[in-house]
Amino acid sequence: MKKLVFLAVFAIVALSAYSYMTATQNKDLQNALSVQYAKNISDASSKLQELDEAVKKTLLFNQGEGDLEAREDIWRLSSDIQQSVASLPLDQQFSTTWMNYLGRLGKFSKEGDERTDPKEFHKVMDRASQNIQSLSEQWSVATADMASGNLSMAEWQERLDGEKASFDWNGLSASIQQYTESDFPLTASESDALKKKELKHIKDPAVTKEEALTKFKKLFPDVSNQVIDTTESKPGAAYPFYHIRFADNDSVGYIDITKKGGHILSFLTERPTGAGTMDIDKVRTSVETFLKDSGYTDVVFEEVRENDTAFHLVYTRVEKMHRAKVLSDTIQIKAAKEDGRILGLNAAEYIRKEQLKDQPIITIDWKTFFHKNVKVNKQELVYVENEHGIQRLAYALTVTLEENGEIGTYIVLVDTETKAVIKTEKQP
């Protein structure tokens, strides 16, 4: 009898100890994620102020290196802020609206010198300067107490939930939408194209929350054993998804998996990384194996950039009709130089999937199309968005030209039906 009592007491004590350890570990994980959220809030706030300064700098110059540098800063900062915002569990409508504004601002600053009259560019950036300053002030108010890293996950949810938050995220979303419409009004064709992109066209069968977790564990076994929670996207999301958050001793992040088809929409992890010297070919092999395992089997490598710690790779979807690359349907992947591990993935553009139409392909004599000193080194077919927001089948040509004793390289996109030059871009 005493032995049974001892065993019963031992079992209760052991269970209590296990429950305590589990609760403590879960609290530590949530604290780690809270700190990461705070860091991303601070990054977004800091870079939003830098963006405001960069936009104001474009108002100083008519031409010269100062203007060029400011435009490049706008492109870089708008992209950086998008990455910080993407990793936060913000109100879905606000996040989508802000991403759209930042994307259009970055694209306008990068391409403004090619397509926009200088006076019109100045007018747009003048309006953007006023709006970004207002946005920066509202963002500061909304996130005033979020940068401390001391909030619990429940407190984070209270501040970021669009329906329960004390701050009016819907009001801020409406303001940004107004800024977008005033600074970068859509043409009729662009509006139609945007509506097509928002269609819920995924026809794959739905997966359960458990199936999404299973896929996560299969593809990311090194971090998926430390899941904090799994939530569903807000009603009305263009692509309903499961939002899975995780954290362990050296990694913290999230993964979004679509309900229909169980596709990875996005993935982001933050962890300490060394400089690393892993060969790009080995990293590519690892990344492309991962893409196939994830179900992305119709993409090809497009380009790679790098910094001290990571490679940033871009893959493009290839359509079946003409085996043409669809330049708008891309997957971006960040992989560590240290060990090749996936640090980030964004497949939103790929999943959005452009709706393409067939068009005639006429044969063009490049010898008469280009000046006699121009040499065509490469030719392939691509689908690319023209200035009206319409996807067109085009020849993508890599051409070279001798320029004052040096060789200049250009990418030229030519419509296969009309022979119109959609875009010309000089390569560095």
Protein backbone atom coordinates (compact mmCIF):
# COMPACT_ATOMS: atom_id res chain seq x y z
CA MET A 1 0.00 0.00 0.00
CA LYS A 2 2.82 2.37 0.95
CA LYS A 3 4.49 1.57 -2.36
CA LEU A 4 1.33 2.51 -4.28
CA VAL A 5 0.99 5.75 -2.33
CA PHE A 6 4.66 6.53 -3.02
CA LEU A 7 4.21 5.86 -6.73
CA ALA A 8 1.09 8.01 -6.86
CA VAL A 9 2.83 10.89 -5.06
CA PHE A 10 5.91 10.47 -7.29
CA ALA A 11 3.73 10.56 -10.42
CA ILE A 12 1.98 13.74 -9.25
CA VAL A 13 5.30 15.42 -8.44
CA ALA A 14 6.82 14.36 -11.77
CA LEU A 15 3.78 15.57 -13.70
CA SER A 16 3.86 18.89 -11.84
CA ALA A 17 7.57 19.29 -12.59
CA TYR A 18 7.01 18.47 -16.26
CA SER A 19 4.10 20.93 -16.48
CA TYR A 20 6.22 23.60 -14.83
CA MET A 21 9.16 23.00 -17.20
CA THR A 22 6.87 23.03 -20.23
CA ALA A 23 5.18 26.25 -19.11
CA THR A 24 8.56 27.87 -18.41
CA GLN A 25 9.92 26.81 -21.82
CA ASN A 26 6.82 28.09 -23.61
CA LYS A 27 7.10 31.41 -21.77
CA ASP A 28 10.77 31.68 -22.79
CA LEU A 29 9.85 31.04 -26.42
CA GLN A 30 7.11 33.66 -26.36
CA ASN A 31 9.49 36.15 -24.75
CA ALA A 32 12.01 35.52 -27.55
CA LEU A 33 9.36 36.17 -30.19
CA SER A 34 8.19 39.30 -28.37
CA VAL A 35 11.76 40.64 -28.43
CA GLN A 36 12.00 39.88 -32.16
CA TYR A 37 8.71 41.71 -32.84
CA ALA A 38 10.03 44.70 -30.89
CA LYS A 39 13.23 44.69 -32.96
CA ASN A 40 11.25 44.70 -36.21
CA ILE A 41 9.05 47.53 -34.92
CA SER A 42 12.17 49.58 -34.12
CA ASP A 43 13.72 48.78 -37.51
CA ALA A 44 10.58 49.87 -39.34
CA SER A 45 10.38 53.09 -37.31
CA SER A 46 14.02 53.97 -37.90
CA LYS A 47 13.93 53.20 -41.61
CA LEU A 48 10.64 55.05 -42.05
CA GLN A 49 12.40 58.19 -40.82
CA GLU A 50 15.31 57.50 -43.20
CA LEU A 51 12.80 57.02 -46.03
CA ASP A 52 11.24 60.39 -45.22
CA GLU A 53 14.69 62.01 -45.44
CA ALA A 54 15.52 60.24 -48.72
CA VAL A 55 12.27 61.40 -50.33
CA LYS A 56 12.97 64.98 -49.22
CA LYS A 57 16.47 64.76 -50.73
CA THR A 58 15.00 64.14 -54.20
CA LEU A 59 13.38 67.58 -53.94
CA LEU A 60 16.82 69.22 -53.76
CA PHE A 61 18.19 68.20 -57.16
CA ASN A 62 17.25 68.51 -60.79
CA GLN A 63 20.03 66.15 -61.85
CA GLY A 64 23.36 64.68 -60.75
CA GLU A 65 24.61 62.01 -58.37
CA GLY A 66 22.74 63.43 -55.36
CA ASP A 67 19.38 62.73 -56.97
CA LEU A 68 20.47 59.26 -58.11
CA GLU A 69 21.69 58.31 -54.64
CA ALA A 70 18.45 59.48 -53.03
CA ARG A 71 16.37 57.40 -55.49
CA GLU A 72 18.45 54.31 -54.74
CA ASP A 73 17.96 54.92 -51.01
CA ILE A 74 14.18 55.08 -51.51
CA TRP A 75 14.24 51.78 -53.40
CA ARG A 76 16.35 50.09 -50.71
CA LEU A 77 14.51 51.51 -47.68
CA SER A 78 11.04 50.80 -49.01
CA SER A 79 12.10 47.18 -49.53
CA ASP A 80 13.66 46.96 -46.04
CA ILE A 81 10.52 48.32 -44.37
CA GLN A 82 8.38 45.81 -46.25
CA GLN A 83 10.53 42.99 -44.83
CA SER A 84 10.18 44.33 -41.28
CA VAL A 85 6.41 44.75 -41.62
CA ALA A 86 6.00 41.29 -43.19
CA SER A 87 7.37 39.64 -40.03
CA LEU A 88 4.81 41.30 -37.75
CA PRO A 89 1.32 39.89 -36.99
CA LEU A 90 -0.29 43.16 -38.08
CA ASP A 91 -3.86 43.71 -39.14
CA GLN A 92 -4.09 42.08 -42.57
CA GLN A 93 -5.75 45.03 -44.31
CA PHE A 94 -3.22 47.50 -42.93
CA SER A 95 -0.25 45.28 -43.82
CA THR A 96 -1.46 44.73 -47.41
CA THR A 97 -2.19 48.42 -47.95
CA TRP A 98 1.16 49.55 -46.59
CA MET A 99 3.06 46.96 -48.62
CA ASN A 100 1.33 48.20 -51.77
CA TYR A 101 2.25 51.84 -51.06
CA LEU A 102 5.88 51.04 -50.29
CA GLY A 103 6.14 48.85 -53.38
CA ARG A 104 4.77 51.55 -55.68
CA LEU A 105 7.00 54.21 -54.09
CA GLY A 106 10.14 52.07 -54.54
CA LYS A 107 9.25 51.17 -58.11
CA PHE A 108 8.48 54.80 -59.00
CA SER A 109 11.77 56.05 -57.57
CA LYS A 110 13.74 53.38 -59.45
CA GLU A 111 12.02 53.83 -62.82
CA GLY A 112 11.16 57.53 -62.57
CA ASP A 113 14.23 58.65 -64.48
CA GLU A 114 13.24 56.42 -67.43
CA ARG A 115 9.51 57.12 -67.77
CA THR A 116 8.61 60.29 -65.90
CA ASP A 117 8.99 63.95 -66.75
CA PRO A 118 11.26 65.63 -64.11
CA LYS A 119 8.53 68.11 -63.16
CA GLU A 120 6.01 65.30 -62.67
CA PHE A 121 8.54 63.30 -60.64
CA HIS A 122 9.15 66.32 -58.38
CA LYS A 123 5.39 66.80 -57.94
CA VAL A 124 4.84 63.16 -56.95
CA MET A 125 7.75 63.11 -54.49
CA ASP A 126 6.57 66.38 -52.96
CA ARG A 127 3.19 64.78 -52.17
CA ALA A 128 4.90 61.59 -50.98
CA SER A 129 7.11 63.61 -48.63
CA GLN A 130 4.11 65.08 -46.87
CA ASN A 131 2.31 61.75 -46.68
CA ILE A 132 5.32 59.77 -45.39
CA GLN A 133 5.89 62.32 -42.66
CA SER A 134 2.25 61.96 -41.60
CA LEU A 135 2.51 58.17 -41.77
CA SER A 136 5.70 58.23 -39.67
CA GLU A 137 3.95 60.26 -36.96
CA GLN A 138 0.92 57.93 -36.90
CA TRP A 139 3.16 54.84 -36.83
CA SER A 140 5.06 56.30 -33.85
CA VAL A 141 1.82 56.77 -31.94
CA ALA A 142 0.58 53.27 -32.82
CA THR A 143 3.81 51.53 -31.72
CA ALA A 144 4.93 53.81 -28.89
CA ASP A 145 4.94 51.04 -26.26
CA MET A 146 5.87 48.12 -28.53
CA ALA A 147 9.61 48.63 -28.88
CA SER A 148 10.46 47.72 -25.28
CA GLY A 149 10.38 43.95 -25.84
CA ASN A 150 8.55 43.52 -22.53
CA LEU A 151 5.08 42.78 -23.86
CA SER A 152 3.52 39.35 -23.49
CA MET A 153 2.10 37.67 -26.58
CA ALA A 154 -1.41 38.41 -25.29
CA GLU A 155 -0.51 42.09 -24.97
CA TRP A 156 0.99 42.08 -28.49
CA GLN A 157 -2.21 40.57 -29.84
CA GLU A 158 -4.31 43.21 -28.09
CA ARG A 159 -2.30 46.02 -29.69
CA LEU A 160 -2.13 44.51 -33.18
CA ASP A 161 -5.55 42.92 -33.58
CA GLY A 162 -7.45 45.20 -35.94
CA GLU A 163 -10.78 44.47 -34.27
CA LYS A 164 -9.71 44.84 -30.62
CA ALA A 165 -6.72 47.18 -30.68
CA SER A 166 -6.80 50.52 -28.91
CA PHE A 167 -5.20 52.11 -31.98
CA ASP A 168 -7.33 52.57 -35.10
CA TRP A 169 -5.43 50.37 -37.59
CA ASN A 170 -8.35 50.54 -40.02
CA GLY A 171 -8.11 54.33 -39.96
CA LEU A 172 -4.37 54.21 -40.68
CA SER A 173 -5.01 51.70 -43.46
CA ALA A 174 -7.56 54.09 -44.99
CA SER A 175 -5.02 56.94 -44.79
CA ILE A 176 -2.36 54.90 -46.59
CA GLN A 177 -4.88 53.90 -49.25
CA GLN A 178 -5.65 57.58 -49.75
CA TYR A 179 -1.90 58.33 -50.03
CA THR A 180 -1.55 55.58 -52.64
CA GLU A 181 -4.42 56.90 -54.73
CA SER A 182 -3.19 60.49 -54.57
CA ASP A 183 0.53 59.79 -55.11
CA PHE A 184 0.32 56.91 -57.60
CA PRO A 185 -3.12 56.86 -59.24
CA LEU A 186 -3.82 53.66 -61.16
CA THR A 187 -4.64 53.69 -64.84
CA ALA A 188 -7.73 51.74 -65.91
CA SER A 189 -5.55 48.88 -67.19
CA GLU A 190 -3.53 48.77 -63.97
CA SER A 191 -6.74 48.70 -61.96
CA ASP A 192 -8.05 45.75 -63.98
CA ALA A 193 -4.73 43.94 -63.59
CA LEU A 194 -4.78 44.52 -59.82
CA LYS A 195 -8.28 43.09 -59.54
CA LYS A 196 -7.16 39.97 -61.42
CA LYS A 197 -4.27 39.52 -58.99
CA GLU A 198 -6.66 39.61 -56.03
CA LEU A 199 -8.86 36.78 -57.34
CA LYS A 200 -9.00 33.71 -55.11
CA HIS A 201 -7.97 31.46 -58.00
CA ILE A 202 -6.29 28.63 -56.08
CA LYS A 203 -8.30 25.48 -56.84
CA ASP A 204 -6.22 22.98 -54.86
CA PRO A 205 -7.98 21.00 -52.10
CA ALA A 206 -7.88 22.51 -48.62
CA VAL A 207 -5.48 21.23 -45.98
CA THR A 208 -6.14 21.05 -42.25
CA LYS A 209 -4.14 22.82 -39.58
CA GLU A 210 -2.56 19.47 -38.65
CA GLU A 211 -1.54 18.84 -42.27
CA ALA A 212 0.03 22.32 -42.47
CA LEU A 213 2.01 21.60 -39.29
CA THR A 214 3.13 18.24 -40.71
CA LYS A 215 4.44 19.94 -43.85
CA PHE A 216 6.26 22.52 -41.75
CA LYS A 217 7.92 19.78 -39.69
CA LYS A 218 8.94 17.88 -42.81
CA LEU A 219 10.54 20.88 -44.55
CA PHE A 220 12.04 22.60 -41.47
CA PRO A 221 12.85 19.86 -38.94
CA ASP A 222 15.48 22.02 -37.23
CA VAL A 223 12.98 24.66 -36.01
CA SER A 224 9.51 23.11 -36.27
CA ASN A 225 9.74 21.29 -32.93
CA GLN A 226 9.41 24.63 -31.14
CA VAL A 227 6.00 25.84 -32.37
CA ILE A 228 4.41 28.51 -30.18
CA ASP A 229 1.00 28.65 -31.80
CA THR A 230 -0.93 28.33 -35.06
CA THR A 231 -3.59 30.86 -36.05
CA GLU A 232 -5.66 31.44 -39.18
CA SER A 233 -5.62 34.51 -41.39
CA LYS A 234 -8.36 37.09 -41.00
CA PRO A 235 -11.61 36.69 -42.97
CA GLY A 236 -11.36 38.25 -46.43
CA ALA A 237 -7.68 37.45 -47.02
CA ALA A 238 -7.00 36.94 -50.74
CA TYR A 239 -5.30 33.64 -49.93
CA PRO A 240 -6.46 32.26 -46.55
CA PHE A 241 -3.48 30.75 -44.70
CA TYR A 242 -2.24 29.26 -41.44
CA HIS A 243 0.21 31.48 -39.53
CA ILE A 244 2.63 29.32 -37.52
CA ARG A 245 5.05 30.97 -35.08
CA PHE A 246 8.11 29.26 -33.63
CA ALA A 247 11.12 30.01 -31.44
CA ASP A 248 14.01 28.13 -29.87
CA ASN A 249 17.38 28.97 -28.37
CA ASP A 250 18.83 30.44 -31.57
CA SER A 251 15.91 30.87 -33.99
CA VAL A 252 12.69 32.84 -33.93
CA GLY A 253 10.24 33.34 -36.78
CA TYR A 254 7.08 32.30 -38.59
CA ILE A 255 5.75 30.45 -41.61
CA ASP A 256 2.52 31.09 -43.54
CA ILE A 257 0.98 28.10 -45.35
CA THR A 258 -2.05 28.50 -47.62
CA LYS A 259 -5.20 26.63 -46.65
CA LYS A 260 -5.79 25.60 -50.26
CA GLY A 261 -3.02 23.31 -51.39
CA GLY A 262 -0.77 23.79 -48.37
CA HIS A 263 1.69 26.03 -50.28
CA ILE A 264 4.37 27.98 -48.41
CA LEU A 265 3.37 31.61 -48.77
CA SER A 266 6.23 33.03 -46.72
CA PHE A 267 8.85 31.99 -44.19
CA LEU A 268 11.19 34.04 -42.04
CA THR A 269 13.61 33.12 -39.29
CA GLU A 270 16.05 35.26 -37.35
CA ARG A 271 19.12 33.59 -35.88
CA PRO A 272 22.79 34.43 -35.33
CA THR A 273 24.81 33.77 -38.49
CA GLY A 274 28.50 33.87 -39.23
CA ALA A 275 30.06 35.35 -42.34
CA GLY A 276 30.36 31.92 -43.94
CA THR A 277 32.14 30.88 -47.12
CA MET A 278 29.81 28.19 -48.48
CA ASP A 279 30.01 27.89 -52.26
CA ILE A 280 27.05 29.35 -54.16
CA ASP A 281 26.70 26.21 -56.29
CA LYS A 282 26.22 24.07 -53.19
CA VAL A 283 23.73 26.56 -51.76
CA ARG A 284 21.80 26.56 -55.05
CA THR A 285 21.67 22.76 -55.07
CA SER A 286 20.31 22.77 -51.52
CA VAL A 287 17.77 25.51 -52.26
CA GLU A 288 16.52 23.84 -55.44
CA THR A 289 16.08 20.51 -53.62
CA PHE A 290 14.04 22.38 -51.02
CA LEU A 291 11.89 24.01 -53.74
CA LYS A 292 11.09 20.63 -55.30
CA ASP A 293 10.25 19.15 -51.90
CA SER A 294 7.96 22.14 -51.30
CA GLY A 295 6.06 21.54 -54.56
CA TYR A 296 7.57 24.40 -56.57
CA THR A 297 8.65 22.32 -59.56
CA ASP A 298 8.04 24.77 -62.43
CA VAL A 299 10.64 27.43 -61.54
CA VAL A 300 14.11 28.20 -62.86
CA PHE A 301 16.98 30.14 -61.34
CA GLU A 302 16.94 33.81 -62.31
CA GLU A 303 19.57 35.72 -60.32
CA VAL A 304 21.50 35.89 -57.05
CA ARG A 305 22.78 38.72 -54.87
CA GLU A 306 24.82 38.41 -51.72
CA ASN A 307 26.01 40.15 -48.58
CA ASP A 308 28.44 39.07 -45.84
CA THR A 309 26.14 36.44 -44.35
CA ALA A 310 23.61 35.34 -46.97
CA PHE A 311 22.73 34.71 -50.60
CA HIS A 312 19.48 36.20 -51.93
CA LEU A 313 18.21 34.01 -54.79
CA VAL A 314 15.32 34.63 -57.19
CA TYR A 315 13.47 31.87 -59.06
CA THR A 316 10.94 32.49 -61.86
CA ARG A 317 7.98 30.39 -62.96
CA VAL A 318 8.06 28.91 -66.48
CA GLU A 319 4.69 28.59 -68.25
CA LYS A 320 3.88 25.52 -70.37
CA MET A 321 2.57 27.17 -73.56
CA HIS A 322 5.82 28.66 -74.88
CA ARG A 323 8.21 27.63 -72.09
CA ALA A 324 8.48 31.36 -71.38
CA LYS A 325 9.58 32.74 -68.03
CA VAL A 326 6.88 34.77 -66.26
CA LEU A 327 8.87 37.63 -64.80
CA SER A 328 6.08 38.64 -62.40
CA ASP A 329 5.79 35.14 -60.86
CA THR A 330 8.86 34.83 -58.69
CA ILE A 331 10.01 33.21 -55.46
CA GLN A 332 12.64 34.99 -53.38
CA ILE A 333 14.81 32.95 -51.04
CA LYS A 334 17.41 33.98 -48.49
CA ALA A 335 19.98 31.28 -47.60
CA ALA A 336 22.82 31.45 -45.08
CA LYS A 337 26.38 31.40 -46.41
CA GLU A 338 27.39 29.67 -43.20
CA ASP A 339 25.50 26.39 -43.74
CA GLY A 340 23.02 26.88 -46.59
CA ARG A 341 19.98 26.89 -44.32
CA ILE A 342 16.87 28.72 -45.54
CA LEU A 343 16.47 32.00 -43.62
CA GLY A 344 13.59 33.48 -45.57
CA LEU A 345 11.17 32.77 -48.42
CA ASN A 346 8.53 34.88 -50.15
CA ALA A 347 6.30 33.08 -52.67
CA ALA A 348 3.39 35.54 -52.70
CA GLU A 349 4.06 36.64 -56.28
CA TYR A 350 4.37 33.04 -57.47
CA ILE A 351 1.13 31.97 -55.75
CA ARG A 352 -0.68 35.03 -57.10
CA LYS A 353 0.05 33.59 -60.56
CA GLU A 354 -0.50 35.85 -63.56
CA GLN A 355 -3.35 34.90 -65.90
CA LEU A 356 -1.65 34.72 -69.30
CA LYS A 357 -2.98 34.92 -72.84
CA ASP A 358 -1.44 33.49 -75.97
CA GLN A 359 -0.28 35.91 -78.64
CA PRO A 360 1.36 35.68 -82.09
CA ILE A 361 5.13 35.37 -82.34
CA ILE A 362 6.53 37.07 -85.40
CA THR A 363 10.07 36.54 -86.58
CA ILE A 364 12.23 39.64 -86.25
CA ASP A 365 15.48 40.26 -88.09
CA TRP A 366 17.67 41.60 -85.30
CA LYS A 367 20.33 42.71 -87.81
CA THR A 368 17.94 45.34 -89.16
CA PHE A 369 16.12 45.91 -85.83
CA PHE A 370 19.31 47.03 -84.07
CA HIS A 371 22.16 49.22 -85.25
CA LYS A 372 24.90 47.29 -87.05
CA ASN A 373 27.32 47.68 -84.07
CA VAL A 374 24.93 45.92 -81.71
CA LYS A 375 25.56 42.21 -81.05
CA VAL A 376 22.76 39.88 -79.83
CA ASN A 377 24.32 37.41 -77.36
CA LYS A 378 21.23 35.71 -75.93
CA GLN A 379 17.53 35.39 -76.75
CA GLU A 380 14.66 33.82 -74.79
CA LEU A 381 10.89 34.23 -74.37
CA VAL A 382 9.36 35.88 -71.31
CA TYR A 383 6.02 37.23 -70.17
CA VAL A 384 6.43 40.76 -68.84
CA GLU A 385 4.08 43.51 -67.66
CA ASN A 386 3.98 46.51 -70.01
CA GLU A 387 3.38 50.12 -69.00
CA HIS A 388 -0.38 49.50 -68.94
CA GLY A 389 -0.11 46.63 -66.47
CA ILE A 390 -0.87 43.97 -69.12
CA GLN A 391 1.15 40.76 -69.43
CA ARG A 392 2.76 40.51 -72.87
CA LEU A 393 4.88 37.79 -74.45
CA ALA A 394 8.26 39.27 -75.34
CA TYR A 395 11.69 38.46 -76.65
CA ALA A 396 14.25 38.99 -73.89
CA LEU A 397 17.54 39.89 -75.56
CA THR A 398 20.96 40.35 -74.05
CA VAL A 399 22.86 42.68 -76.36
CA THR A 400 26.26 44.35 -76.26
CA LEU A 401 27.64 47.54 -77.77
CA GLU A 402 31.12 49.02 -77.79
CA GLU A 403 31.04 52.34 -75.95
CA ASN A 404 34.21 54.44 -75.99
CA GLY A 405 36.48 51.43 -75.82
CA GLU A 406 34.35 49.52 -73.31
CA ILE A 407 31.57 46.97 -73.81
CA GLY A 408 28.11 47.98 -72.60
CA THR A 409 25.57 45.22 -71.91
CA TYR A 410 21.80 45.75 -72.14
CA ILE A 411 18.63 43.70 -71.60
CA VAL A 412 16.01 44.59 -74.22
CA LEU A 413 12.41 43.32 -74.05
CA VAL A 414 10.56 43.36 -77.39
CA ASP A 415 6.86 42.47 -77.84
CA THR A 416 6.59 39.34 -80.03
CA GLU A 417 3.47 40.62 -81.81
CA THR A 418 3.89 44.39 -82.15
CA LYS A 419 7.71 44.64 -82.10
CA ALA A 420 7.34 47.41 -79.50
CA VAL A 421 10.27 47.81 -77.11
CA ILE A 422 8.73 47.27 -73.68
CA LYS A 423 11.89 47.98 -71.70
CA THR A 424 15.63 48.57 -72.11
CA GLU A 425 17.89 48.20 -69.09
CA LYS A 426 21.66 48.60 -68.90
CA GLN A 427 23.46 45.94 -66.89
CA PRO A 428 26.13 46.90 -64.33
